N, C-alpha and C. Protein backbone atom coordinates (compact mmCIF):
# COMPACT_ATOMS: atom_id res chain seq x y z
N MET A 1 0.99 5.79 10.02
CA MET A 1 1.27 6.91 10.97
C MET A 1 2.72 6.84 11.31
N THR A 2 3.19 5.63 11.76
CA THR A 2 4.61 5.50 12.23
C THR A 2 5.62 5.72 11.15
N ILE A 3 5.30 4.92 9.89
CA ILE A 3 6.14 5.19 8.62
C ILE A 3 6.05 6.51 8.16
N ASP A 4 4.88 6.99 8.02
CA ASP A 4 4.88 8.48 7.42
C ASP A 4 5.75 9.39 8.29
N SER A 5 6.06 9.00 9.23
CA SER A 5 7.10 9.98 9.95
C SER A 5 8.30 10.17 9.46
N PHE A 6 8.64 9.11 8.79
CA PHE A 6 9.86 8.93 7.93
C PHE A 6 9.96 9.69 6.32
N ARG A 7 8.68 10.25 6.02
CA ARG A 7 8.52 10.77 4.78
C ARG A 7 9.49 11.74 4.44
N PRO A 8 10.03 12.87 5.31
CA PRO A 8 11.13 13.82 4.91
C PRO A 8 12.35 13.11 4.68
N ALA A 9 12.73 12.05 5.35
CA ALA A 9 13.99 11.46 5.12
C ALA A 9 13.92 10.60 3.88
N ALA A 10 12.82 10.13 3.65
CA ALA A 10 12.66 9.33 2.11
C ALA A 10 12.87 10.20 1.18
N THR A 11 12.11 11.41 1.18
CA THR A 11 12.10 12.39 0.06
C THR A 11 13.67 12.77 -0.22
N ARG A 12 14.48 12.91 0.99
CA ARG A 12 15.83 13.23 0.58
C ARG A 12 16.46 12.28 -0.13
N ILE A 13 16.12 10.99 -0.02
CA ILE A 13 16.86 9.88 -0.62
C ILE A 13 16.36 9.69 -1.88
N LEU A 14 14.99 9.94 -2.24
CA LEU A 14 14.30 9.80 -3.47
C LEU A 14 14.76 11.01 -4.45
N ASP A 15 14.76 12.17 -3.96
CA ASP A 15 15.06 13.29 -4.94
C ASP A 15 16.16 13.12 -5.94
N PRO A 16 17.48 12.59 -5.53
CA PRO A 16 18.39 12.29 -6.43
C PRO A 16 18.06 11.19 -7.34
N ILE A 17 17.45 10.29 -7.14
CA ILE A 17 16.99 9.23 -7.85
C ILE A 17 15.89 9.61 -9.04
N ALA A 18 15.11 10.74 -8.46
CA ALA A 18 14.03 11.14 -9.30
C ALA A 18 14.67 12.05 -10.45
N ARG A 19 15.58 12.85 -10.08
CA ARG A 19 16.37 13.57 -11.02
C ARG A 19 16.99 12.75 -11.93
N SER A 20 17.72 11.62 -11.60
CA SER A 20 18.21 10.67 -12.68
C SER A 20 17.22 10.06 -13.53
N VAL A 21 16.03 9.54 -13.06
CA VAL A 21 14.93 9.14 -13.72
C VAL A 21 14.27 10.16 -14.64
N ALA A 22 14.17 11.40 -14.18
CA ALA A 22 13.55 12.32 -15.03
C ALA A 22 14.34 12.55 -16.25
N ASN A 23 15.78 12.58 -16.02
CA ASN A 23 16.63 13.01 -16.99
C ASN A 23 16.69 11.85 -18.02
N LYS A 24 16.38 10.60 -17.82
CA LYS A 24 16.26 9.49 -18.71
C LYS A 24 14.94 9.63 -19.65
N GLY A 25 14.16 10.60 -19.30
CA GLY A 25 12.82 10.69 -20.17
C GLY A 25 11.76 9.83 -19.68
N ILE A 26 11.79 9.38 -18.58
CA ILE A 26 10.78 8.48 -18.01
C ILE A 26 9.73 9.18 -17.22
N SER A 27 8.40 9.06 -17.57
CA SER A 27 7.52 10.01 -17.10
C SER A 27 6.84 9.64 -15.74
N PRO A 28 6.25 10.36 -14.96
CA PRO A 28 5.60 10.05 -13.69
C PRO A 28 4.61 9.07 -13.87
N ASN A 29 3.75 9.31 -15.07
CA ASN A 29 2.58 8.27 -15.22
C ASN A 29 3.10 6.83 -15.60
N ALA A 30 4.26 6.87 -16.29
CA ALA A 30 4.73 5.39 -16.48
C ALA A 30 5.24 4.80 -15.25
N LEU A 31 5.88 5.48 -14.41
CA LEU A 31 6.15 4.96 -13.18
C LEU A 31 5.02 4.52 -12.43
N SER A 32 3.94 5.22 -12.42
CA SER A 32 2.61 4.85 -11.78
C SER A 32 2.09 3.69 -12.28
N VAL A 33 1.95 3.59 -13.72
CA VAL A 33 1.66 2.29 -14.19
C VAL A 33 2.47 0.94 -13.84
N GLY A 34 3.78 1.35 -13.76
CA GLY A 34 4.74 0.30 -13.61
C GLY A 34 4.49 -0.26 -12.16
N SER A 35 4.03 0.60 -11.16
CA SER A 35 3.76 0.08 -9.69
C SER A 35 2.62 -0.72 -9.78
N LEU A 36 1.62 -0.23 -10.66
CA LEU A 36 0.35 -0.97 -10.67
C LEU A 36 0.61 -2.52 -11.16
N VAL A 37 1.53 -2.48 -12.04
CA VAL A 37 1.82 -3.98 -12.75
C VAL A 37 2.59 -4.70 -11.61
N CYS A 38 3.43 -4.18 -10.89
CA CYS A 38 4.14 -5.03 -9.75
C CYS A 38 3.08 -5.22 -8.64
N ALA A 39 2.16 -4.46 -8.27
CA ALA A 39 1.02 -4.78 -7.37
C ALA A 39 0.22 -6.14 -7.91
N ALA A 40 -0.13 -6.03 -9.23
CA ALA A 40 -0.86 -7.37 -9.94
C ALA A 40 0.05 -8.47 -9.53
N LEU A 41 1.37 -8.43 -9.92
CA LEU A 41 2.20 -9.50 -9.94
C LEU A 41 2.37 -10.00 -8.36
N ALA A 42 2.49 -8.99 -7.46
CA ALA A 42 2.45 -9.57 -6.15
C ALA A 42 1.32 -10.21 -5.78
N GLY A 43 0.01 -9.66 -6.15
CA GLY A 43 -1.24 -10.37 -5.67
C GLY A 43 -1.28 -11.90 -6.37
N ILE A 44 -0.85 -12.00 -7.51
CA ILE A 44 -0.64 -13.27 -8.01
C ILE A 44 0.55 -13.92 -7.37
N SER A 45 1.44 -13.59 -7.00
CA SER A 45 2.57 -14.38 -6.25
C SER A 45 1.86 -14.77 -4.90
N PHE A 46 1.11 -13.88 -4.10
CA PHE A 46 0.62 -14.16 -2.88
C PHE A 46 -0.51 -15.24 -3.03
N TYR A 47 -1.25 -15.30 -4.07
CA TYR A 47 -2.30 -16.27 -4.42
C TYR A 47 -1.63 -17.57 -4.49
N PHE A 48 -0.45 -17.92 -5.21
CA PHE A 48 0.00 -19.27 -5.12
C PHE A 48 1.16 -19.52 -3.92
N SER A 49 1.23 -18.47 -2.95
CA SER A 49 2.32 -18.72 -1.94
C SER A 49 1.73 -19.59 -0.80
N VAL A 50 0.33 -20.04 -0.73
CA VAL A 50 -0.25 -20.80 0.35
C VAL A 50 0.59 -22.25 0.21
N ASP A 51 0.75 -22.74 -0.90
CA ASP A 51 1.31 -23.99 -1.33
C ASP A 51 2.83 -24.00 -1.67
N ASN A 52 3.39 -22.77 -1.80
CA ASN A 52 4.55 -22.58 -2.18
C ASN A 52 5.15 -21.37 -1.61
N PRO A 53 5.72 -21.39 -0.31
CA PRO A 53 6.20 -20.30 0.31
C PRO A 53 7.27 -19.40 -0.40
N LEU A 54 7.88 -20.00 -1.49
CA LEU A 54 8.91 -19.20 -2.26
C LEU A 54 8.40 -18.05 -2.86
N SER A 55 6.98 -18.43 -3.21
CA SER A 55 6.13 -17.37 -3.73
C SER A 55 6.00 -16.08 -2.95
N ALA A 56 6.14 -16.40 -1.73
CA ALA A 56 6.10 -15.28 -0.88
C ALA A 56 7.26 -14.23 -0.94
N LEU A 57 8.26 -14.91 -0.95
CA LEU A 57 9.53 -14.00 -1.46
C LEU A 57 9.55 -13.14 -2.59
N ILE A 58 8.75 -13.57 -3.61
CA ILE A 58 8.80 -13.00 -4.86
C ILE A 58 7.68 -12.10 -4.64
N ALA A 59 6.65 -12.18 -3.93
CA ALA A 59 5.59 -11.25 -3.59
C ALA A 59 6.37 -9.98 -2.74
N ILE A 60 7.22 -10.32 -1.90
CA ILE A 60 8.00 -9.28 -1.23
C ILE A 60 8.47 -8.38 -2.30
N LEU A 61 9.26 -9.11 -3.14
CA LEU A 61 9.97 -8.21 -4.25
C LEU A 61 9.07 -7.04 -4.95
N PHE A 62 7.87 -7.68 -5.41
CA PHE A 62 7.02 -6.94 -6.02
C PHE A 62 6.26 -5.82 -5.26
N VAL A 63 6.03 -6.13 -3.93
CA VAL A 63 5.38 -5.08 -3.28
C VAL A 63 6.34 -4.25 -2.81
N ALA A 64 7.71 -4.36 -2.58
CA ALA A 64 8.74 -3.43 -2.59
C ALA A 64 8.81 -2.46 -3.78
N LEU A 65 8.85 -3.08 -4.83
CA LEU A 65 8.87 -2.29 -6.25
C LEU A 65 7.63 -1.28 -6.36
N ASN A 66 6.51 -1.87 -5.86
CA ASN A 66 5.17 -1.34 -5.91
C ASN A 66 5.36 0.03 -5.17
N SER A 67 5.92 -0.11 -3.95
CA SER A 67 6.13 0.92 -3.00
C SER A 67 7.06 2.00 -3.50
N PHE A 68 8.15 1.50 -4.09
CA PHE A 68 9.31 2.31 -4.54
C PHE A 68 8.79 3.17 -5.71
N LEU A 69 8.20 2.48 -6.59
CA LEU A 69 7.65 3.17 -7.76
C LEU A 69 6.47 4.24 -7.43
N ASP A 70 5.80 3.78 -6.48
CA ASP A 70 4.58 4.69 -6.00
C ASP A 70 5.27 6.00 -5.46
N ALA A 71 6.29 5.94 -4.82
CA ALA A 71 6.88 7.09 -4.07
C ALA A 71 7.82 7.91 -5.24
N LEU A 72 8.25 7.18 -5.96
CA LEU A 72 9.26 7.64 -6.96
C LEU A 72 8.28 8.60 -8.18
N ASP A 73 7.17 8.20 -8.48
CA ASP A 73 6.38 8.85 -9.51
C ASP A 73 6.29 10.35 -9.09
N GLY A 74 5.69 10.50 -7.54
CA GLY A 74 5.65 12.03 -7.17
C GLY A 74 6.74 12.89 -7.21
N ALA A 75 7.94 12.03 -6.84
CA ALA A 75 9.23 12.89 -6.81
C ALA A 75 9.45 13.23 -8.20
N VAL A 76 9.38 12.52 -9.26
CA VAL A 76 9.80 12.78 -10.55
C VAL A 76 8.82 13.89 -11.06
N ALA A 77 7.63 13.89 -10.86
CA ALA A 77 6.61 14.86 -11.15
C ALA A 77 6.79 16.19 -10.50
N ARG A 78 7.40 16.17 -9.29
CA ARG A 78 7.75 17.54 -8.58
C ARG A 78 8.97 18.04 -9.33
N TYR A 79 9.97 17.13 -9.52
CA TYR A 79 11.12 17.54 -10.28
C TYR A 79 10.90 18.22 -11.67
N LEU A 80 9.94 17.59 -12.35
CA LEU A 80 9.81 18.09 -13.44
C LEU A 80 8.66 19.18 -13.75
N ARG A 81 8.18 19.51 -12.37
CA ARG A 81 7.08 20.40 -12.27
C ARG A 81 5.85 20.21 -13.12
N LYS A 82 5.63 18.76 -13.08
CA LYS A 82 4.55 18.32 -13.74
C LYS A 82 3.42 17.81 -12.89
N ASP A 83 3.62 18.05 -11.62
CA ASP A 83 2.60 17.58 -10.62
C ASP A 83 1.09 18.49 -10.99
N SER A 84 0.05 17.57 -11.24
CA SER A 84 -1.26 18.11 -11.73
C SER A 84 -2.37 17.32 -11.15
N LYS A 85 -3.50 17.89 -11.25
CA LYS A 85 -4.74 17.20 -10.71
C LYS A 85 -4.86 15.87 -11.51
N LYS A 86 -4.51 15.83 -12.80
CA LYS A 86 -4.65 14.65 -13.53
C LYS A 86 -3.74 13.47 -12.84
N GLY A 87 -2.45 13.88 -12.70
CA GLY A 87 -1.61 13.20 -11.92
C GLY A 87 -1.95 12.48 -10.53
N ASP A 88 -2.37 13.32 -9.98
CA ASP A 88 -2.90 13.09 -8.57
C ASP A 88 -3.96 12.11 -8.66
N PHE A 89 -4.93 12.21 -9.63
CA PHE A 89 -6.09 11.48 -9.64
C PHE A 89 -5.80 10.12 -9.98
N LEU A 90 -4.72 9.93 -11.12
CA LEU A 90 -4.35 8.69 -11.43
C LEU A 90 -3.39 7.98 -10.37
N ASP A 91 -2.75 8.69 -9.49
CA ASP A 91 -1.99 8.16 -8.49
C ASP A 91 -2.97 7.41 -7.57
N HIS A 92 -4.13 8.22 -7.19
CA HIS A 92 -4.94 7.59 -6.08
C HIS A 92 -5.68 6.38 -6.59
N VAL A 93 -5.98 6.59 -8.05
CA VAL A 93 -6.59 5.22 -8.43
C VAL A 93 -5.81 4.15 -8.49
N ILE A 94 -4.64 4.11 -8.81
CA ILE A 94 -3.56 3.10 -9.04
C ILE A 94 -3.47 2.62 -7.51
N ASP A 95 -3.38 3.56 -6.62
CA ASP A 95 -3.07 3.11 -5.17
C ASP A 95 -4.07 2.20 -4.71
N ARG A 96 -5.41 2.56 -5.06
CA ARG A 96 -6.52 1.61 -4.72
C ARG A 96 -6.45 0.35 -5.34
N TYR A 97 -6.31 0.31 -6.75
CA TYR A 97 -6.14 -0.89 -7.33
C TYR A 97 -5.16 -1.86 -6.66
N SER A 98 -4.10 -1.15 -6.50
CA SER A 98 -2.75 -1.80 -5.86
C SER A 98 -3.11 -2.43 -4.54
N ASP A 99 -3.95 -1.65 -3.78
CA ASP A 99 -4.24 -2.31 -2.60
C ASP A 99 -5.09 -3.41 -2.89
N VAL A 100 -6.17 -3.50 -3.68
CA VAL A 100 -7.07 -4.41 -3.98
C VAL A 100 -6.27 -5.81 -4.39
N PHE A 101 -5.30 -5.58 -5.41
CA PHE A 101 -4.65 -6.59 -6.01
C PHE A 101 -3.74 -7.41 -4.76
N ILE A 102 -3.09 -6.60 -3.97
CA ILE A 102 -2.31 -7.26 -2.98
C ILE A 102 -2.98 -7.92 -1.96
N ILE A 103 -3.99 -7.40 -1.18
CA ILE A 103 -4.71 -7.92 -0.11
C ILE A 103 -5.73 -8.98 -0.75
N CYS A 104 -6.29 -8.94 -1.88
CA CYS A 104 -7.04 -9.88 -2.32
C CYS A 104 -6.26 -11.22 -2.76
N GLY A 105 -5.18 -10.82 -3.28
CA GLY A 105 -4.30 -12.05 -3.73
C GLY A 105 -3.86 -12.85 -2.22
N MET A 106 -3.71 -12.25 -1.12
CA MET A 106 -3.25 -12.82 0.01
C MET A 106 -4.52 -13.56 0.48
N PHE A 107 -5.82 -13.21 0.50
CA PHE A 107 -7.00 -13.97 0.99
C PHE A 107 -7.67 -14.94 0.03
N PHE A 108 -7.49 -14.55 -1.17
CA PHE A 108 -8.05 -15.54 -2.44
C PHE A 108 -7.04 -16.61 -2.26
N GLY A 109 -5.68 -16.65 -1.93
CA GLY A 109 -4.99 -17.87 -1.95
C GLY A 109 -5.26 -18.77 -0.79
N GLY A 110 -6.02 -18.24 0.31
CA GLY A 110 -6.45 -19.10 1.24
C GLY A 110 -5.57 -18.73 2.55
N HIS A 111 -5.06 -17.74 2.75
CA HIS A 111 -4.03 -17.51 4.00
C HIS A 111 -5.08 -17.20 5.13
N VAL A 112 -6.26 -16.88 4.94
CA VAL A 112 -7.22 -16.67 5.77
C VAL A 112 -8.75 -16.60 5.37
N HIS A 113 -9.50 -16.88 6.14
CA HIS A 113 -10.98 -16.97 5.67
C HIS A 113 -11.40 -15.67 4.88
N TRP A 114 -12.18 -15.99 3.81
CA TRP A 114 -12.66 -15.11 2.99
C TRP A 114 -13.36 -13.72 3.77
N GLN A 115 -14.14 -14.17 4.66
CA GLN A 115 -14.89 -13.14 5.51
C GLN A 115 -13.98 -12.08 5.94
N ILE A 116 -12.82 -12.64 6.61
CA ILE A 116 -11.82 -11.66 7.24
C ILE A 116 -11.14 -10.85 6.12
N GLY A 117 -10.72 -11.44 4.97
CA GLY A 117 -10.33 -10.83 3.94
C GLY A 117 -11.07 -9.73 3.37
N THR A 118 -12.30 -10.12 3.21
CA THR A 118 -13.35 -8.94 2.77
C THR A 118 -13.41 -7.77 3.74
N ILE A 119 -13.48 -8.11 5.12
CA ILE A 119 -13.42 -7.04 5.89
C ILE A 119 -12.11 -6.31 5.94
N ALA A 120 -11.05 -6.75 5.68
CA ALA A 120 -9.75 -6.21 5.53
C ALA A 120 -9.79 -5.25 4.32
N ILE A 121 -10.01 -5.62 3.12
CA ILE A 121 -10.09 -4.77 2.08
C ILE A 121 -11.00 -3.68 2.00
N VAL A 122 -12.37 -4.00 2.74
CA VAL A 122 -13.13 -3.09 3.00
C VAL A 122 -12.61 -1.84 3.88
N CYS A 123 -12.07 -2.24 4.94
CA CYS A 123 -11.69 -1.36 5.90
C CYS A 123 -10.43 -0.30 5.33
N VAL A 124 -9.67 -1.02 4.37
CA VAL A 124 -8.64 -0.47 3.77
C VAL A 124 -8.93 0.74 2.75
N LEU A 125 -10.05 0.34 2.07
CA LEU A 125 -10.34 1.26 1.08
C LEU A 125 -11.23 2.32 1.84
N LEU A 126 -12.08 2.05 2.91
CA LEU A 126 -12.68 3.16 3.65
C LEU A 126 -11.86 4.11 4.17
N THR A 127 -10.52 3.61 4.72
CA THR A 127 -9.47 4.47 5.22
C THR A 127 -8.94 5.31 4.24
N SER A 128 -8.74 4.76 3.05
CA SER A 128 -8.10 5.69 1.97
C SER A 128 -9.21 6.74 1.46
N TYR A 129 -10.50 6.09 1.42
CA TYR A 129 -11.45 7.20 1.00
C TYR A 129 -11.47 8.33 2.01
N LEU A 130 -11.52 8.19 3.25
CA LEU A 130 -11.51 9.18 4.17
C LEU A 130 -10.33 10.35 4.07
N GLY A 131 -9.08 9.59 3.69
CA GLY A 131 -8.00 10.46 3.45
C GLY A 131 -8.18 11.51 2.45
N THR A 132 -8.73 10.66 1.14
CA THR A 132 -9.06 11.66 0.00
C THR A 132 -10.10 12.52 0.18
N GLN A 133 -11.09 12.13 0.89
CA GLN A 133 -12.37 12.98 1.06
C GLN A 133 -12.14 14.23 1.82
N ALA A 134 -11.02 14.19 2.63
CA ALA A 134 -10.62 15.19 3.53
C ALA A 134 -10.03 16.35 2.45
N GLN A 135 -9.32 15.89 1.40
CA GLN A 135 -8.78 16.70 0.38
C GLN A 135 -9.85 17.20 -0.31
N ALA A 136 -10.80 16.43 -0.67
CA ALA A 136 -11.92 17.07 -1.48
C ALA A 136 -12.61 17.87 -0.67
N LEU A 137 -12.88 18.11 0.36
CA LEU A 137 -13.49 19.07 1.32
C LEU A 137 -12.53 20.25 1.46
N GLY A 138 -11.43 20.25 1.20
CA GLY A 138 -10.47 21.64 1.07
C GLY A 138 -9.70 21.50 2.38
N ILE A 139 -9.66 20.54 3.08
CA ILE A 139 -8.70 20.58 4.42
C ILE A 139 -7.45 19.90 4.25
N GLY A 140 -7.10 19.39 2.92
CA GLY A 140 -5.87 18.85 2.71
C GLY A 140 -5.87 17.26 2.83
N ARG A 141 -4.96 16.52 2.21
CA ARG A 141 -4.82 15.19 2.33
C ARG A 141 -4.60 14.67 3.67
N PHE A 142 -5.20 13.78 4.28
CA PHE A 142 -5.12 13.29 5.67
C PHE A 142 -4.47 12.00 5.74
N TYR A 143 -3.46 11.89 6.50
CA TYR A 143 -2.64 10.69 6.72
C TYR A 143 -2.79 10.16 8.00
N GLY A 144 -3.54 10.68 9.05
CA GLY A 144 -3.61 10.23 10.34
C GLY A 144 -4.15 8.91 10.67
N GLY A 145 -3.70 8.38 11.73
CA GLY A 145 -4.24 7.00 12.23
C GLY A 145 -3.15 6.11 12.44
N ILE A 146 -3.49 4.83 13.03
CA ILE A 146 -2.34 4.06 13.60
C ILE A 146 -2.02 3.11 12.30
N MET A 147 -2.60 3.26 11.40
CA MET A 147 -2.26 2.32 10.12
C MET A 147 -2.53 2.92 8.86
N GLY A 148 -1.52 3.63 8.19
CA GLY A 148 -1.61 4.19 6.97
C GLY A 148 -1.08 3.20 6.03
N ARG A 149 -1.18 3.70 4.69
CA ARG A 149 -0.57 2.60 3.73
C ARG A 149 0.71 2.25 3.64
N ALA A 150 1.66 3.11 4.13
CA ALA A 150 3.07 2.68 4.29
C ALA A 150 3.13 1.53 5.39
N ASP A 151 2.43 2.04 6.56
CA ASP A 151 2.44 0.86 7.76
C ASP A 151 2.00 -0.61 7.25
N ARG A 152 0.84 -0.31 6.45
CA ARG A 152 0.25 -1.72 6.03
C ARG A 152 1.12 -2.42 5.21
N LEU A 153 1.98 -1.77 4.15
CA LEU A 153 2.88 -2.51 3.37
C LEU A 153 4.02 -2.96 4.04
N VAL A 154 4.53 -2.06 5.08
CA VAL A 154 5.83 -2.73 5.78
C VAL A 154 5.33 -3.99 6.82
N LEU A 155 4.09 -4.13 7.09
CA LEU A 155 3.59 -5.14 7.94
C LEU A 155 3.57 -6.25 6.95
N ILE A 156 3.05 -6.16 5.71
CA ILE A 156 2.93 -7.32 4.63
C ILE A 156 4.34 -7.89 4.26
N LEU A 157 5.16 -7.06 4.33
CA LEU A 157 6.52 -7.27 3.90
C LEU A 157 7.23 -8.24 5.05
N ILE A 158 7.05 -7.78 6.29
CA ILE A 158 7.75 -8.47 7.38
C ILE A 158 6.76 -9.75 7.45
N ALA A 159 5.39 -9.74 7.36
CA ALA A 159 4.79 -11.05 7.53
C ALA A 159 5.03 -11.89 6.52
N SER A 160 5.26 -11.50 5.34
CA SER A 160 5.70 -12.45 4.14
C SER A 160 6.99 -13.04 4.28
N LEU A 161 7.98 -12.32 4.71
CA LEU A 161 9.27 -13.11 5.20
C LEU A 161 9.38 -13.93 6.19
N ALA A 162 8.38 -13.60 7.21
CA ALA A 162 8.10 -14.64 8.39
C ALA A 162 7.45 -15.97 7.87
N TYR A 163 6.55 -15.70 7.05
CA TYR A 163 5.94 -16.90 6.57
C TYR A 163 6.84 -17.85 5.65
N TYR A 164 7.73 -17.08 4.93
CA TYR A 164 8.92 -18.04 4.03
C TYR A 164 9.76 -18.70 5.27
N ILE A 165 9.93 -18.17 6.30
CA ILE A 165 10.87 -18.86 7.21
C ILE A 165 9.86 -20.00 8.03
N TYR A 166 8.73 -19.51 8.35
CA TYR A 166 7.71 -20.66 8.92
C TYR A 166 6.40 -20.61 8.49
N SER A 167 6.18 -21.51 7.51
CA SER A 167 5.01 -21.57 6.64
C SER A 167 3.68 -22.35 7.24
N GLU A 168 3.76 -22.88 8.34
CA GLU A 168 2.91 -23.65 9.18
C GLU A 168 1.81 -22.91 9.59
N ALA A 169 0.51 -23.06 9.69
CA ALA A 169 -0.61 -22.53 10.17
C ALA A 169 -0.46 -22.36 11.59
N ILE A 170 -1.00 -21.16 12.33
CA ILE A 170 -0.95 -20.94 13.72
C ILE A 170 -2.39 -20.73 14.03
N PHE A 171 -2.86 -21.53 14.98
CA PHE A 171 -4.49 -21.26 15.11
C PHE A 171 -5.21 -21.12 13.71
N GLY A 172 -4.95 -22.03 12.96
CA GLY A 172 -5.93 -21.82 11.56
C GLY A 172 -5.30 -20.87 10.48
N TYR A 173 -4.45 -20.03 10.62
CA TYR A 173 -4.14 -19.09 9.79
C TYR A 173 -2.46 -19.27 9.62
N THR A 174 -2.04 -18.66 8.38
CA THR A 174 -0.61 -18.46 8.35
C THR A 174 -0.24 -17.14 8.86
N ILE A 175 0.98 -16.84 9.03
CA ILE A 175 1.31 -15.50 9.33
C ILE A 175 0.89 -14.67 8.46
N ILE A 176 0.93 -14.78 7.08
CA ILE A 176 0.29 -13.85 6.18
C ILE A 176 -1.19 -13.62 6.64
N GLY A 177 -1.97 -14.67 6.76
CA GLY A 177 -3.27 -14.64 7.34
C GLY A 177 -3.35 -13.77 8.53
N TRP A 178 -2.76 -13.86 9.44
CA TRP A 178 -2.70 -13.07 10.69
C TRP A 178 -2.49 -11.73 10.47
N SER A 179 -1.55 -11.24 9.64
CA SER A 179 -1.14 -9.92 9.11
C SER A 179 -2.46 -9.30 8.67
N LEU A 180 -3.37 -10.19 7.89
CA LEU A 180 -4.63 -9.38 7.41
C LEU A 180 -5.57 -9.21 8.55
N VAL A 181 -5.60 -10.06 9.49
CA VAL A 181 -6.41 -9.89 10.89
C VAL A 181 -5.98 -8.49 11.37
N VAL A 182 -4.62 -8.25 11.35
CA VAL A 182 -4.13 -7.06 12.03
C VAL A 182 -4.42 -5.84 11.23
N ILE A 183 -4.51 -5.98 9.80
CA ILE A 183 -4.86 -5.16 8.98
C ILE A 183 -6.04 -4.56 8.95
N ALA A 184 -7.10 -5.65 9.12
CA ALA A 184 -8.45 -5.48 9.27
C ALA A 184 -8.85 -4.56 10.51
N ILE A 185 -8.14 -5.01 11.59
CA ILE A 185 -8.40 -4.36 12.88
C ILE A 185 -7.86 -2.83 13.02
N GLY A 186 -6.56 -2.66 12.56
CA GLY A 186 -5.86 -1.53 12.54
C GLY A 186 -6.54 -0.55 11.46
N SER A 187 -6.98 -0.97 10.27
CA SER A 187 -7.46 -0.03 9.28
C SER A 187 -8.95 0.45 9.83
N HIS A 188 -9.72 -0.50 10.40
CA HIS A 188 -10.97 0.07 11.08
C HIS A 188 -10.77 0.96 12.14
N ILE A 189 -9.97 0.87 13.10
CA ILE A 189 -9.44 1.85 14.02
C ILE A 189 -9.00 3.15 13.41
N THR A 190 -8.14 2.96 12.27
CA THR A 190 -7.61 4.28 11.51
C THR A 190 -9.00 4.98 11.06
N ALA A 191 -9.85 4.16 10.29
CA ALA A 191 -10.85 5.08 9.79
C ALA A 191 -11.72 5.64 10.77
N ILE A 192 -11.88 5.15 12.26
CA ILE A 192 -12.60 5.75 12.98
C ILE A 192 -11.73 6.97 13.56
N GLN A 193 -10.54 6.95 13.72
CA GLN A 193 -9.75 8.19 13.79
C GLN A 193 -9.86 9.19 13.08
N ARG A 194 -9.43 8.97 11.78
CA ARG A 194 -9.81 9.96 10.74
C ARG A 194 -11.19 10.61 10.54
N MET A 195 -12.09 9.76 10.78
CA MET A 195 -13.55 10.54 10.74
C MET A 195 -13.70 11.32 11.89
N GLY A 196 -13.10 11.09 13.16
CA GLY A 196 -13.00 12.07 14.28
C GLY A 196 -12.27 13.24 13.88
N SER A 197 -11.02 13.27 13.54
CA SER A 197 -10.29 14.19 13.20
C SER A 197 -10.78 15.08 12.11
N ILE A 198 -11.27 14.58 11.14
CA ILE A 198 -11.93 15.37 9.96
C ILE A 198 -13.04 16.04 10.42
N TRP A 199 -13.89 15.54 11.15
CA TRP A 199 -15.06 16.19 11.80
C TRP A 199 -14.88 17.20 12.60
N LYS A 200 -13.61 17.12 13.31
CA LYS A 200 -13.32 18.36 14.32
C LYS A 200 -12.67 19.48 13.35
N ARG A 201 -11.97 19.10 12.41
CA ARG A 201 -11.42 20.23 11.52
C ARG A 201 -12.48 20.90 10.56
N LEU A 202 -13.66 20.22 10.37
CA LEU A 202 -14.63 20.71 9.64
C LEU A 202 -15.83 21.80 10.52
């Protein structure tokens, strides 16, 4: 919700980059696949970061690249006027796989108990599903709620940096683990908010 409010400013920054990338012959789908690869590498880095905080810094790099490429593919598609239902579908699928890679890497590695990690990924996927379901129902893509994808990724980036600085457990969980607790709670609240808003619009 908070980060999405900066979308217009981000678009102004991305557009010149998108033109340059498009003129080099790089397709939006190639950027989408690149973002997925970065998400997978981020998940692997998070998995090994419990015993090696330096891996958290590597994960930060890949999460940032995932976010950048995910935003850039849409900008390139719009510039080339190649935005299509196929591209939109591919983008949504890759975003969900990216969420799974990143979040599962965090709790598979042991930053938090698997039960909490499972709740976090389920709530994240449910929140995203509600956003796309609103689009399927004809009322447009819905980004409302206290924790959208951009907010979630920024929280992960901040928590990962904080974990690199202080890697000791706090009340049983690392800082990355506690960020998953916040994601689980925030995503559940967001899902409820989206259900309510979509129901009213219908």
